């Protein structure tokens, strides 16, 4: 019996993830939990995980993913903590991932400084850098111009104002799609589908749309804004 491995050295080495054997060999973990942890560790350190997103990359359902996360949490591989707004209202739950439980702080939840939280509709932040709001304009970018056109047709109003930081991220993400050969026709097709199936409670923010590029265009994000 033999094991055949991909060559992981040299200029043509494919992307790969190095994971401590401790977690993969932890007999307390089910294979489902080990696989879930391995997948999460393959992502960038600042990647935000959501159950809905995780289910898109597996045959497991939401209940199965929740069970796997609870297993990892119980054994110290992840820690969930709430992020609150200025009035103390819980706005989101964040997850810290530990390749080994030995890396966990000895006590208390981690201190979250100026968190930026992505929801389906908007960016919530207490970072003062994000407090200057501007109008979203196309600036001769046909992709953004197309989105704004369908937004106004659907909502009957202008797109909501955004921060300067968000505006720069939007421009970078659209440019990233163009560099990955997403045509204007492909973009418009997905924008039309987006607004045709947009839930009433979703305000149509372009940021939320751009966070679905991995599913709509099979292109990852420019970064994890």
Foldseek 3Di string as FASTA:
>chain_A
DDDDDQDQDDPPHDDDDDADVCLVPPPLADNLLSVVLRVVRSDDQPAFDDLVVVVVVDVDDSVSVVVSVVSCVVQQQKDKDFDADPVRHTDDITMHGHSDSVPDDPDDDDDDDFDWDDDLADIDTPDPQFPDWDFADCPPPVLVVLLQVVLCVLVVDGADIGGPVVNVQVVLFVVQVVVVVCDSVLSNVVSVVCSVPPDPPHSSHVVSVSCCCCPSVVGHGPDRD
